[in-house]
Amino acid sequence: MIKIGFIGAGNMGGAIISGMVKSGTFDAKSICVCDKNISPEISALGTELADIATLTNTCGVIVLAVKPNMLSEVARDICTSSSDLSEKLFVSIAAGVKLEKLAAMLNTKKIIRVMPNLCLKASEGMCVLCRTADVSDDELSFGEKIFGCSGKTAVLKEELIDACTAINGSGPAYVFMFMEAMADAAVKHGIDRKTAYTLSAQTVLGSAAMMLATSLHPGVLKDMVCSPGGTTIEAVQALEDAGLRSAVMAAVDACVQKAENMGN
């Protein structure tokens, strides 16, 4: 049984661990966690707790689920704990930290970099993975297995990760803003707040599910809702007049630029 160590079990790390266990894909006893503040939810799963030294020496796969500004300190602690990390697979979810920098920090080359998103907490995450040349296909598949417990995965080249950061990584924030705006509009027209949020959220959820289930182009699906001379096409024109598409694309551009700056 491969032992999987998590350094960090906050919002994102905790969601990944929870998905691994609750999906039944991984046994809780195969997961080792190092975090100063373990949540009751993670404790209740039955995972093992350990310090960095113990985790480093007993786990074959080590997931770095810490903030980018903590990564250097954690990497130093890991390297101090073991003189040979060459056979261990490292997985990092730190935004903006490139594979080359991770390899230099850890003095090893078997590294997978992942851009996850918050929707892992609802088992509907979207995670994008890239790897160093030293990571085998089997090891990459194992990484996908970890993150696939809580949603979908994709494997891309590292040069595309910054763009993914702006879509799957930050995208939930854009969608939440859109849902909030729709709910506010519903309240403006007399619908109570609780019902307004349900209407908004379920509509977004159903639309996303339909696009994934049918594989139809979003424009085709949009046209299916827009009857000639109807109410929806009037709303679509108002969105176009307000620059919805250009605003979203500008937001993604700004996010990509920030991710690139962080990486440099």
Protein backbone atom coordinates (compact mmCIF):
# COMPACT_ATOMS: atom_id res chain seq x y z
CA MET A 1 0.00 0.00 0.00
CA ILE A 2 1.44 3.34 -1.06
CA LYS A 3 1.40 5.89 1.74
CA ILE A 4 0.30 9.36 0.67
CA GLY A 5 1.40 12.30 2.78
CA PHE A 6 -0.33 15.67 2.87
CA ILE A 7 1.56 18.69 4.17
CA GLY A 8 -1.29 21.10 4.71
CA ALA A 9 -4.95 20.20 5.23
CA GLY A 10 -6.70 23.55 4.88
CA ASN A 11 -9.55 24.33 2.48
CA MET A 12 -7.96 22.76 -0.58
CA GLY A 13 -5.86 20.05 1.06
CA GLY A 14 -8.75 19.05 3.29
CA ALA A 15 -11.13 18.84 0.31
CA ILE A 16 -8.72 16.56 -1.55
CA ILE A 17 -8.26 14.27 1.46
CA SER A 18 -11.99 14.16 2.14
CA GLY A 19 -12.73 13.24 -1.46
CA MET A 20 -10.13 10.48 -1.48
CA VAL A 21 -11.63 8.80 1.59
CA LYS A 22 -15.35 9.46 1.05
CA SER A 23 -15.22 8.22 -2.53
CA GLY A 24 -13.92 4.90 -1.26
CA THR A 25 -10.95 5.07 -3.62
CA PHE A 26 -8.36 5.34 -0.82
CA ASP A 27 -8.22 3.90 2.69
CA ALA A 28 -7.90 6.57 5.37
CA LYS A 29 -4.97 4.64 6.87
CA SER A 30 -3.01 5.10 3.65
CA ILE A 31 -3.12 8.88 4.14
CA CYS A 32 -0.78 10.74 6.48
CA VAL A 33 -1.43 14.39 7.35
CA CYS A 34 0.83 17.11 8.71
CA ASP A 35 -0.92 20.31 9.74
CA LYS A 36 -0.88 22.40 12.92
CA ASN A 37 -4.65 22.87 12.84
CA ILE A 38 -6.43 19.71 11.75
CA SER A 39 -10.15 20.27 11.26
CA PRO A 40 -12.62 17.98 13.08
CA GLU A 41 -13.84 16.75 9.69
CA ILE A 42 -10.38 15.51 8.66
CA SER A 43 -9.73 14.01 12.11
CA ALA A 44 -13.00 12.11 11.89
CA LEU A 45 -11.91 10.43 8.64
CA GLY A 46 -9.32 8.37 10.49
CA THR A 47 -6.23 9.55 8.66
CA GLU A 48 -2.86 9.32 10.40
CA LEU A 49 -1.20 12.42 11.82
CA ALA A 50 2.55 13.00 11.66
CA ASP A 51 5.26 15.63 11.66
CA ILE A 52 7.14 16.50 8.47
CA ALA A 53 10.10 14.23 9.25
CA THR A 54 7.93 11.16 9.84
CA LEU A 55 5.75 11.91 6.83
CA THR A 56 8.76 12.43 4.56
CA ASN A 57 10.35 9.13 5.54
CA THR A 58 7.23 6.96 5.46
CA CYS A 59 5.28 8.27 2.44
CA GLY A 60 6.04 7.48 -1.18
CA VAL A 61 3.82 10.30 -2.46
CA ILE A 62 3.92 13.71 -0.81
CA VAL A 63 1.29 16.36 -1.59
CA LEU A 64 2.35 19.93 -0.87
CA ALA A 65 -0.96 21.60 -0.06
CA VAL A 66 0.42 24.82 1.40
CA LYS A 67 0.37 28.45 0.30
CA PRO A 68 3.16 29.52 -2.08
CA ASN A 69 4.75 31.76 0.58
CA MET A 70 5.15 28.74 2.88
CA LEU A 71 6.68 26.45 0.28
CA SER A 72 10.35 27.39 0.76
CA GLU A 73 10.22 26.69 4.50
CA VAL A 74 8.38 23.41 4.00
CA ALA A 75 10.86 22.32 1.30
CA ARG A 76 13.78 23.03 3.65
CA ASP A 77 12.16 20.92 6.37
CA ILE A 78 11.58 18.08 3.91
CA CYS A 79 15.17 18.15 2.66
CA THR A 80 16.48 18.23 6.23
CA SER A 81 14.38 15.17 7.05
CA SER A 82 15.76 12.98 4.25
CA SER A 83 19.01 12.90 2.30
CA ASP A 84 17.48 11.01 -0.65
CA LEU A 85 14.14 12.07 -2.12
CA SER A 86 14.77 10.72 -5.61
CA GLU A 87 12.24 7.88 -5.42
CA LYS A 88 9.43 9.94 -3.92
CA LEU A 89 6.71 11.56 -6.01
CA PHE A 90 5.91 15.14 -5.06
CA VAL A 91 2.63 16.82 -5.95
CA SER A 92 2.28 20.59 -5.53
CA ILE A 93 -0.90 22.68 -5.62
CA ALA A 94 0.91 25.96 -4.91
CA ALA A 95 -0.28 28.56 -7.42
CA GLY A 96 2.37 30.13 -9.62
CA VAL A 97 5.29 27.95 -8.48
CA LYS A 98 6.78 26.29 -11.54
CA LEU A 99 8.16 22.77 -11.83
CA GLU A 100 11.71 24.03 -12.28
CA LYS A 101 11.55 26.02 -9.06
CA LEU A 102 9.96 23.14 -7.17
CA ALA A 103 12.73 20.81 -8.38
CA ALA A 104 15.37 23.25 -7.18
CA MET A 105 13.69 23.62 -3.77
CA LEU A 106 13.36 19.88 -3.21
CA ASN A 107 16.52 18.75 -5.01
CA THR A 108 14.52 16.09 -6.85
CA LYS A 109 12.85 15.83 -10.26
CA LYS A 110 9.74 13.64 -9.81
CA ILE A 111 7.15 16.37 -9.47
CA ILE A 112 3.54 16.90 -10.55
CA ARG A 113 2.12 20.42 -10.46
CA VAL A 114 -1.63 20.80 -10.08
CA MET A 115 -4.02 23.70 -10.46
CA PRO A 116 -7.14 22.66 -8.50
CA ASN A 117 -10.22 24.68 -7.65
CA LEU A 118 -12.52 25.24 -4.69
CA CYS A 119 -15.28 23.08 -6.18
CA LEU A 120 -13.36 20.04 -4.92
CA LYS A 121 -15.24 20.70 -1.68
CA ALA A 122 -18.48 19.78 -3.47
CA SER A 123 -16.89 16.82 -5.33
CA GLU A 124 -17.20 18.77 -8.58
CA GLY A 125 -13.66 20.09 -8.87
CA MET A 126 -11.67 20.66 -12.06
CA CYS A 127 -7.94 20.00 -11.68
CA VAL A 128 -5.25 20.48 -14.31
CA LEU A 129 -1.97 18.56 -13.98
CA CYS A 130 1.47 18.89 -15.56
CA ARG A 131 4.64 16.93 -14.81
CA THR A 132 8.39 16.84 -15.10
CA ALA A 133 9.98 14.44 -17.57
CA ASP A 134 11.00 12.14 -14.70
CA VAL A 135 7.39 11.38 -13.74
CA SER A 136 6.24 8.12 -15.34
CA ASP A 137 2.85 7.58 -16.97
CA ASP A 138 1.86 5.33 -14.04
CA GLU A 139 2.82 8.02 -11.54
CA LEU A 140 0.86 10.63 -13.49
CA SER A 141 -2.15 8.30 -13.53
CA PHE A 142 -1.83 7.93 -9.76
CA GLY A 143 -1.87 11.73 -9.44
CA GLU A 144 -5.01 11.87 -11.58
CA LYS A 145 -6.56 9.19 -9.39
CA ILE A 146 -6.03 11.35 -6.29
CA PHE A 147 -7.71 14.42 -7.77
CA GLY A 148 -10.29 12.48 -9.76
CA CYS A 149 -11.92 11.47 -6.47
CA SER A 150 -13.43 14.95 -6.26
CA GLY A 151 -14.16 15.87 -9.85
CA LYS A 152 -12.52 15.87 -13.26
CA THR A 153 -8.88 16.15 -14.32
CA ALA A 154 -6.94 17.21 -17.40
CA VAL A 155 -3.25 16.94 -18.25
CA LEU A 156 -1.64 19.84 -20.12
CA LYS A 157 1.79 21.31 -20.76
CA GLU A 158 3.09 23.59 -18.02
CA GLU A 159 3.08 26.65 -20.26
CA LEU A 160 -0.73 26.45 -20.26
CA ILE A 161 -1.11 26.26 -16.48
CA ASP A 162 -1.28 30.05 -16.01
CA ALA A 163 -4.23 30.16 -18.41
CA CYS A 164 -5.86 27.32 -16.46
CA THR A 165 -5.32 29.29 -13.25
CA ALA A 166 -7.55 31.99 -14.74
CA ILE A 167 -10.24 29.53 -15.81
CA ASN A 168 -10.68 26.58 -13.45
CA GLY A 169 -8.65 28.07 -10.59
CA SER A 170 -10.22 31.53 -10.38
CA GLY A 171 -13.31 30.82 -12.48
CA PRO A 172 -15.56 29.85 -9.58
CA ALA A 173 -15.27 33.43 -8.29
CA TYR A 174 -16.56 34.78 -11.61
CA VAL A 175 -19.44 32.31 -11.58
CA PHE A 176 -20.34 33.16 -7.98
CA MET A 177 -20.44 36.84 -8.93
CA PHE A 178 -22.71 36.03 -11.87
CA MET A 179 -25.01 33.95 -9.66
CA GLU A 180 -25.13 36.70 -7.05
CA ALA A 181 -26.02 39.27 -9.70
CA MET A 182 -28.84 37.08 -11.03
CA ALA A 183 -30.14 36.55 -7.49
CA ASP A 184 -30.01 40.30 -6.78
CA ALA A 185 -32.01 40.92 -9.94
CA ALA A 186 -34.56 38.32 -8.82
CA VAL A 187 -34.89 40.07 -5.44
CA LYS A 188 -35.33 43.39 -7.25
CA HIS A 189 -38.33 41.89 -9.01
CA GLY A 190 -39.93 40.62 -5.80
CA ILE A 191 -38.54 37.11 -5.32
CA ASP A 192 -37.37 36.30 -1.79
CA ARG A 193 -33.62 36.03 -1.23
CA LYS A 194 -33.49 32.29 -0.42
CA THR A 195 -35.51 31.34 -3.47
CA ALA A 196 -33.47 33.73 -5.61
CA TYR A 197 -30.20 31.99 -4.66
CA THR A 198 -31.72 28.56 -5.34
CA LEU A 199 -33.01 29.69 -8.74
CA SER A 200 -29.62 31.12 -9.65
CA ALA A 201 -27.48 28.24 -8.40
CA GLN A 202 -29.61 25.45 -9.83
CA THR A 203 -29.81 27.21 -13.18
CA VAL A 204 -26.01 27.43 -13.38
CA LEU A 205 -25.62 23.84 -12.19
CA GLY A 206 -28.15 22.54 -14.71
CA SER A 207 -26.62 24.54 -17.56
CA ALA A 208 -23.15 23.19 -16.82
CA ALA A 209 -24.46 19.63 -16.53
CA MET A 210 -26.27 19.94 -19.86
CA MET A 211 -23.16 21.21 -21.64
CA LEU A 212 -21.06 18.34 -20.27
CA ALA A 213 -23.74 15.72 -20.95
CA THR A 214 -24.45 16.77 -24.55
CA SER A 215 -20.97 18.00 -25.61
CA LEU A 216 -22.81 20.64 -27.64
CA HIS A 217 -21.19 24.01 -28.31
CA PRO A 218 -22.35 26.57 -25.73
CA GLY A 219 -23.56 28.79 -28.55
CA VAL A 220 -25.83 26.00 -29.78
CA LEU A 221 -27.24 25.54 -26.29
CA LYS A 222 -27.77 29.29 -25.98
CA ASP A 223 -29.66 29.31 -29.29
CA MET A 224 -31.93 26.55 -27.96
CA VAL A 225 -33.13 28.93 -25.24
CA CYS A 226 -33.54 31.96 -27.51
CA SER A 227 -36.93 31.89 -29.25
CA PRO A 228 -37.44 34.29 -32.17
CA GLY A 229 -38.71 37.60 -30.84
CA GLY A 230 -38.75 36.19 -27.33
CA THR A 231 -37.68 37.34 -23.89
CA THR A 232 -34.29 35.57 -23.78
CA ILE A 233 -32.89 37.17 -26.93
CA GLU A 234 -33.74 40.57 -25.45
CA ALA A 235 -31.68 39.67 -22.37
CA VAL A 236 -28.84 38.34 -24.53
CA GLN A 237 -28.70 41.61 -26.44
CA ALA A 238 -28.55 43.54 -23.15
CA LEU A 239 -25.62 41.37 -22.02
CA GLU A 240 -23.85 41.93 -25.35
CA ASP A 241 -24.45 45.68 -25.10
CA ALA A 242 -22.97 45.65 -21.60
CA GLY A 243 -19.86 43.85 -22.88
CA LEU A 244 -20.24 40.58 -20.98
CA ARG A 245 -17.92 38.58 -23.24
CA SER A 246 -15.19 41.22 -23.36
CA ALA A 247 -15.42 41.72 -19.58
CA VAL A 248 -14.94 38.00 -18.93
CA MET A 249 -12.04 37.79 -21.38
CA ALA A 250 -10.42 40.85 -19.80
CA ALA A 251 -10.78 39.25 -16.36
CA VAL A 252 -9.07 36.08 -17.60
CA ASP A 253 -6.27 38.15 -19.20
CA ALA A 254 -5.69 40.01 -15.92
CA CYS A 255 -5.59 36.75 -13.98
CA VAL A 256 -3.15 35.12 -16.42
CA GLN A 257 -0.85 38.14 -16.20
CA LYS A 258 -0.89 37.99 -12.39
CA ALA A 259 -0.14 34.25 -12.45
CA GLU A 260 2.78 34.82 -14.82
CA ASN A 261 4.14 37.58 -12.58
CA MET A 262 3.91 35.32 -9.53
CA GLY A 263 5.75 32.57 -11.41
CA ASN A 264 8.56 34.93 -12.33
